[in-house]
Amino acid sequence: MEYLNRMQAGKVADPKERFLAYGRDLRLLTSLSANLVNFSRWEAQPDPECPDRYRIEISEATDYPEVLLWQTDGLINRMATQHGEPNLWRWERVRPDRIVFRMTRSL
């Protein structure tokens, strides 16, 4: 959790730059998560359905248990709280092998 205090997006005022900084922070966080949960593949990217939001797709996730999903939800939403955006993310298992976290609103 100490890493969350060093994130960049909360320090940027311009909305476009804040969105880009949030994406960099998100990619760093998901790369850490992907290393910890190495039986799945993680990708953070702008949401094609809402270009001013991000999504995180976890593929090869058949063995990803629901209890770990709730813990992941807590970590990702904790990161968002550091940016002043509590309860920003929600997840859905769209297929047995794919989980998608989506932002519930724009930054």
N, C-alpha and C. Protein backbone atom coordinates (compact mmCIF):
# COMPACT_ATOMS: atom_id res chain seq x y z
N MET A 1 0.82 -1.20 0.00
CA MET A 1 0.00 0.00 0.00
C MET A 1 0.87 1.26 0.00
N GLU A 2 2.12 1.16 0.46
CA GLU A 2 3.01 2.32 0.46
C GLU A 2 3.20 2.86 -0.97
N TYR A 3 3.23 1.97 -1.94
CA TYR A 3 3.37 2.38 -3.34
C TYR A 3 2.29 3.38 -3.74
N LEU A 4 1.08 3.21 -3.22
CA LEU A 4 -0.04 4.07 -3.61
C LEU A 4 0.22 5.54 -3.26
N ASN A 5 1.05 5.79 -2.25
CA ASN A 5 1.36 7.17 -1.87
C ASN A 5 2.26 7.86 -2.89
N ARG A 6 2.92 7.10 -3.75
CA ARG A 6 3.83 7.69 -4.74
C ARG A 6 3.19 7.84 -6.11
N MET A 7 1.93 7.53 -6.24
CA MET A 7 1.28 7.57 -7.55
C MET A 7 1.19 9.00 -8.06
N GLN A 8 1.14 9.17 -9.38
CA GLN A 8 1.27 10.47 -10.02
C GLN A 8 -0.04 11.20 -10.28
N ALA A 9 -1.10 10.49 -10.58
CA ALA A 9 -2.32 11.14 -11.09
C ALA A 9 -2.92 12.13 -10.11
N GLY A 10 -2.83 11.86 -8.83
CA GLY A 10 -3.40 12.77 -7.84
C GLY A 10 -2.69 14.11 -7.79
N LYS A 11 -1.52 14.21 -8.41
CA LYS A 11 -0.71 15.42 -8.38
C LYS A 11 -0.89 16.28 -9.64
N VAL A 12 -1.76 15.86 -10.55
CA VAL A 12 -1.91 16.55 -11.83
C VAL A 12 -3.28 17.23 -11.88
N ALA A 13 -3.31 18.51 -12.28
CA ALA A 13 -4.56 19.26 -12.30
C ALA A 13 -5.28 19.19 -13.65
N ASP A 14 -4.56 19.24 -14.75
CA ASP A 14 -5.17 19.22 -16.08
C ASP A 14 -5.89 17.88 -16.29
N PRO A 15 -7.19 17.90 -16.67
CA PRO A 15 -7.95 16.65 -16.79
C PRO A 15 -7.35 15.63 -17.75
N LYS A 16 -6.86 16.09 -18.91
CA LYS A 16 -6.28 15.16 -19.86
C LYS A 16 -4.99 14.55 -19.32
N GLU A 17 -4.14 15.39 -18.74
CA GLU A 17 -2.89 14.89 -18.16
C GLU A 17 -3.16 13.98 -16.96
N ARG A 18 -4.19 14.32 -16.19
CA ARG A 18 -4.57 13.46 -15.05
C ARG A 18 -5.00 12.08 -15.54
N PHE A 19 -5.79 12.03 -16.61
CA PHE A 19 -6.24 10.76 -17.18
C PHE A 19 -5.04 9.93 -17.63
N LEU A 20 -4.09 10.56 -18.31
CA LEU A 20 -2.90 9.85 -18.78
C LEU A 20 -2.04 9.38 -17.61
N ALA A 21 -1.88 10.23 -16.59
CA ALA A 21 -1.10 9.83 -15.41
C ALA A 21 -1.78 8.68 -14.68
N TYR A 22 -3.12 8.72 -14.61
CA TYR A 22 -3.86 7.63 -13.97
C TYR A 22 -3.61 6.33 -14.73
N GLY A 23 -3.59 6.39 -16.04
CA GLY A 23 -3.32 5.21 -16.86
C GLY A 23 -1.93 4.64 -16.59
N ARG A 24 -0.92 5.52 -16.45
CA ARG A 24 0.43 5.05 -16.12
C ARG A 24 0.45 4.38 -14.75
N ASP A 25 -0.19 5.01 -13.78
CA ASP A 25 -0.26 4.43 -12.44
C ASP A 25 -0.99 3.09 -12.47
N LEU A 26 -2.06 3.03 -13.23
CA LEU A 26 -2.85 1.81 -13.33
C LEU A 26 -2.05 0.68 -13.97
N ARG A 27 -1.31 0.99 -15.01
CA ARG A 27 -0.47 -0.04 -15.66
C ARG A 27 0.60 -0.56 -14.70
N LEU A 28 1.18 0.31 -13.90
CA LEU A 28 2.16 -0.14 -12.91
C LEU A 28 1.50 -1.05 -11.87
N LEU A 29 0.33 -0.65 -11.40
CA LEU A 29 -0.37 -1.47 -10.42
C LEU A 29 -0.77 -2.82 -11.01
N THR A 30 -1.25 -2.83 -12.24
CA THR A 30 -1.65 -4.11 -12.83
C THR A 30 -0.45 -4.98 -13.16
N SER A 31 0.70 -4.37 -13.47
CA SER A 31 1.88 -5.21 -13.70
C SER A 31 2.32 -5.88 -12.40
N LEU A 32 2.20 -5.17 -11.29
CA LEU A 32 2.49 -5.77 -9.99
C LEU A 32 1.50 -6.90 -9.71
N SER A 33 0.23 -6.65 -9.94
CA SER A 33 -0.80 -7.68 -9.71
C SER A 33 -0.58 -8.89 -10.60
N ALA A 34 -0.21 -8.66 -11.85
CA ALA A 34 0.03 -9.76 -12.78
C ALA A 34 1.19 -10.63 -12.33
N ASN A 35 2.18 -10.03 -11.70
CA ASN A 35 3.30 -10.82 -11.18
C ASN A 35 2.90 -11.62 -9.95
N LEU A 36 2.03 -11.06 -9.12
CA LEU A 36 1.58 -11.78 -7.93
C LEU A 36 0.62 -12.91 -8.28
N VAL A 37 -0.23 -12.65 -9.27
CA VAL A 37 -1.23 -13.63 -9.70
C VAL A 37 -0.80 -14.10 -11.09
N ASN A 38 0.25 -14.89 -11.13
CA ASN A 38 0.88 -15.22 -12.40
C ASN A 38 0.19 -16.32 -13.20
N PHE A 39 -1.00 -16.72 -12.77
CA PHE A 39 -1.76 -17.71 -13.55
C PHE A 39 -2.82 -17.03 -14.41
N SER A 40 -2.67 -15.72 -14.61
CA SER A 40 -3.60 -14.96 -15.45
C SER A 40 -2.82 -13.86 -16.16
N ARG A 41 -3.46 -13.26 -17.16
CA ARG A 41 -2.85 -12.16 -17.91
C ARG A 41 -3.66 -10.89 -17.66
N TRP A 42 -2.99 -9.80 -17.42
CA TRP A 42 -3.63 -8.53 -17.09
C TRP A 42 -3.33 -7.48 -18.15
N GLU A 43 -4.33 -6.66 -18.46
CA GLU A 43 -4.12 -5.55 -19.37
C GLU A 43 -5.00 -4.37 -18.96
N ALA A 44 -4.38 -3.23 -18.74
CA ALA A 44 -5.10 -1.98 -18.45
C ALA A 44 -5.08 -1.14 -19.71
N GLN A 45 -6.25 -0.60 -20.06
CA GLN A 45 -6.35 0.19 -21.29
C GLN A 45 -7.58 1.09 -21.21
N PRO A 46 -7.62 2.15 -22.04
CA PRO A 46 -8.86 2.94 -22.09
C PRO A 46 -10.03 2.04 -22.49
N ASP A 47 -11.17 2.29 -21.90
CA ASP A 47 -12.37 1.48 -22.17
C ASP A 47 -12.93 1.87 -23.54
N PRO A 48 -13.03 0.93 -24.48
CA PRO A 48 -13.54 1.28 -25.81
C PRO A 48 -14.99 1.77 -25.78
N GLU A 49 -15.74 1.40 -24.75
CA GLU A 49 -17.14 1.85 -24.64
C GLU A 49 -17.24 3.25 -24.02
N CYS A 50 -16.24 3.65 -23.27
CA CYS A 50 -16.21 4.96 -22.60
C CYS A 50 -14.78 5.47 -22.65
N PRO A 51 -14.38 6.19 -23.70
CA PRO A 51 -12.98 6.57 -23.90
C PRO A 51 -12.37 7.42 -22.78
N ASP A 52 -13.19 8.02 -21.91
CA ASP A 52 -12.65 8.81 -20.81
C ASP A 52 -12.53 8.00 -19.52
N ARG A 53 -12.57 6.67 -19.65
CA ARG A 53 -12.44 5.75 -18.52
C ARG A 53 -11.48 4.64 -18.91
N TYR A 54 -11.00 3.94 -17.89
CA TYR A 54 -10.14 2.78 -18.12
C TYR A 54 -10.88 1.50 -17.78
N ARG A 55 -10.33 0.41 -18.28
CA ARG A 55 -10.79 -0.91 -17.88
C ARG A 55 -9.55 -1.79 -17.70
N ILE A 56 -9.71 -2.80 -16.90
CA ILE A 56 -8.66 -3.80 -16.68
C ILE A 56 -9.26 -5.13 -17.08
N GLU A 57 -8.61 -5.79 -18.00
CA GLU A 57 -9.07 -7.10 -18.43
C GLU A 57 -8.10 -8.15 -17.90
N ILE A 58 -8.65 -9.14 -17.22
CA ILE A 58 -7.87 -10.27 -16.73
C ILE A 58 -8.31 -11.48 -17.53
N SER A 59 -7.40 -11.98 -18.35
CA SER A 59 -7.71 -13.15 -19.17
C SER A 59 -6.98 -14.37 -18.61
N GLU A 60 -7.29 -15.52 -19.18
CA GLU A 60 -6.76 -16.80 -18.65
C GLU A 60 -7.06 -16.91 -17.16
N ALA A 61 -8.27 -16.51 -16.78
CA ALA A 61 -8.64 -16.36 -15.37
C ALA A 61 -9.57 -17.45 -14.85
N THR A 62 -9.59 -18.58 -15.51
CA THR A 62 -10.46 -19.67 -15.06
C THR A 62 -10.19 -20.05 -13.61
N ASP A 63 -8.93 -20.04 -13.20
CA ASP A 63 -8.57 -20.44 -11.84
C ASP A 63 -8.57 -19.28 -10.85
N TYR A 64 -9.03 -18.11 -11.25
CA TYR A 64 -9.05 -16.93 -10.39
C TYR A 64 -10.27 -17.02 -9.47
N PRO A 65 -10.09 -17.28 -8.17
CA PRO A 65 -11.23 -17.48 -7.28
C PRO A 65 -11.95 -16.16 -6.95
N GLU A 66 -13.22 -16.27 -6.65
CA GLU A 66 -14.02 -15.07 -6.37
C GLU A 66 -13.49 -14.31 -5.15
N VAL A 67 -13.03 -15.02 -4.14
CA VAL A 67 -12.51 -14.33 -2.95
C VAL A 67 -11.31 -13.46 -3.33
N LEU A 68 -10.49 -13.91 -4.25
CA LEU A 68 -9.36 -13.11 -4.71
C LEU A 68 -9.84 -11.93 -5.55
N LEU A 69 -10.93 -12.10 -6.26
CA LEU A 69 -11.51 -10.98 -7.01
C LEU A 69 -11.94 -9.86 -6.06
N TRP A 70 -12.55 -10.22 -4.95
CA TRP A 70 -12.96 -9.20 -3.99
C TRP A 70 -11.75 -8.51 -3.38
N GLN A 71 -10.67 -9.24 -3.15
CA GLN A 71 -9.45 -8.62 -2.64
C GLN A 71 -8.84 -7.69 -3.69
N THR A 72 -8.86 -8.11 -4.95
CA THR A 72 -8.37 -7.28 -6.04
C THR A 72 -9.21 -6.02 -6.16
N ASP A 73 -10.52 -6.17 -6.02
CA ASP A 73 -11.43 -5.03 -6.03
C ASP A 73 -11.03 -4.04 -4.95
N GLY A 74 -10.72 -4.54 -3.76
CA GLY A 74 -10.31 -3.67 -2.66
C GLY A 74 -9.02 -2.92 -2.96
N LEU A 75 -8.05 -3.60 -3.55
CA LEU A 75 -6.79 -2.97 -3.89
C LEU A 75 -6.97 -1.89 -4.95
N ILE A 76 -7.71 -2.20 -6.00
CA ILE A 76 -7.91 -1.24 -7.08
C ILE A 76 -8.71 -0.04 -6.60
N ASN A 77 -9.72 -0.27 -5.78
CA ASN A 77 -10.50 0.85 -5.26
C ASN A 77 -9.72 1.64 -4.22
N ARG A 78 -8.77 1.00 -3.54
CA ARG A 78 -7.90 1.73 -2.62
C ARG A 78 -7.01 2.69 -3.41
N MET A 79 -6.49 2.22 -4.55
CA MET A 79 -5.70 3.09 -5.41
C MET A 79 -6.54 4.29 -5.84
N ALA A 80 -7.77 4.04 -6.22
CA ALA A 80 -8.65 5.12 -6.67
C ALA A 80 -8.93 6.10 -5.53
N THR A 81 -9.05 5.60 -4.32
CA THR A 81 -9.27 6.48 -3.17
C THR A 81 -8.08 7.41 -2.96
N GLN A 82 -6.86 6.90 -3.21
CA GLN A 82 -5.66 7.74 -3.12
C GLN A 82 -5.74 8.90 -4.11
N HIS A 83 -6.48 8.72 -5.19
CA HIS A 83 -6.65 9.76 -6.21
C HIS A 83 -7.91 10.59 -5.94
N GLY A 84 -8.56 10.37 -4.81
CA GLY A 84 -9.77 11.12 -4.48
C GLY A 84 -11.01 10.59 -5.17
N GLU A 85 -10.98 9.35 -5.62
CA GLU A 85 -12.10 8.75 -6.36
C GLU A 85 -12.53 7.43 -5.71
N PRO A 86 -13.15 7.46 -4.53
CA PRO A 86 -13.53 6.19 -3.88
C PRO A 86 -14.59 5.43 -4.68
N ASN A 87 -14.56 4.13 -4.53
CA ASN A 87 -15.55 3.25 -5.18
C ASN A 87 -15.67 3.50 -6.68
N LEU A 88 -14.54 3.57 -7.33
CA LEU A 88 -14.49 3.90 -8.75
C LEU A 88 -14.64 2.68 -9.65
N TRP A 89 -14.33 1.50 -9.14
CA TRP A 89 -14.26 0.30 -9.97
C TRP A 89 -15.28 -0.74 -9.56
N ARG A 90 -15.72 -1.50 -10.56
CA ARG A 90 -16.53 -2.71 -10.29
C ARG A 90 -16.09 -3.76 -11.29
N TRP A 91 -16.29 -5.00 -10.92
CA TRP A 91 -15.83 -6.09 -11.77
C TRP A 91 -16.99 -6.99 -12.18
N GLU A 92 -16.73 -7.71 -13.26
CA GLU A 92 -17.70 -8.68 -13.76
C GLU A 92 -16.91 -9.82 -14.39
N ARG A 93 -17.32 -11.04 -14.08
CA ARG A 93 -16.73 -12.19 -14.77
C ARG A 93 -17.58 -12.40 -16.01
N VAL A 94 -17.08 -11.95 -17.15
CA VAL A 94 -17.86 -11.99 -18.38
C VAL A 94 -17.86 -13.37 -19.02
N ARG A 95 -16.85 -14.16 -18.72
CA ARG A 95 -16.76 -15.56 -19.12
C ARG A 95 -15.97 -16.27 -18.03
N PRO A 96 -16.03 -17.57 -17.97
CA PRO A 96 -15.25 -18.26 -16.93
C PRO A 96 -13.76 -17.93 -16.95
N ASP A 97 -13.24 -17.59 -18.12
CA ASP A 97 -11.80 -17.32 -18.24
C ASP A 97 -11.47 -15.83 -18.39
N ARG A 98 -12.46 -14.94 -18.21
CA ARG A 98 -12.21 -13.51 -18.41
C ARG A 98 -12.96 -12.67 -17.39
N ILE A 99 -12.23 -11.76 -16.77
CA ILE A 99 -12.79 -10.83 -15.78
C ILE A 99 -12.50 -9.42 -16.29
N VAL A 100 -13.48 -8.54 -16.16
CA VAL A 100 -13.28 -7.16 -16.59
C VAL A 100 -13.64 -6.24 -15.43
N PHE A 101 -12.67 -5.39 -15.06
CA PHE A 101 -12.92 -4.30 -14.12
C PHE A 101 -13.16 -3.06 -14.95
N ARG A 102 -14.21 -2.33 -14.63
CA ARG A 102 -14.52 -1.08 -15.36
C ARG A 102 -14.70 0.06 -14.36
N MET A 103 -14.26 1.23 -14.79
CA MET A 103 -14.52 2.43 -13.98
C MET A 103 -16.02 2.73 -14.04
N THR A 104 -16.58 3.14 -12.91
CA THR A 104 -18.00 3.44 -12.86
C THR A 104 -18.31 4.87 -13.28
N ARG A 105 -17.27 5.70 -13.39
CA ARG A 105 -17.44 7.09 -13.80
C ARG A 105 -16.09 7.62 -14.28
N SER A 106 -16.12 8.77 -14.90
CA SER A 106 -14.89 9.42 -15.37
C SER A 106 -14.14 10.02 -14.18
N LEU A 107 -12.89 10.31 -14.38
CA LEU A 107 -12.07 10.94 -13.33
C LEU A 107 -12.45 12.39 -13.16
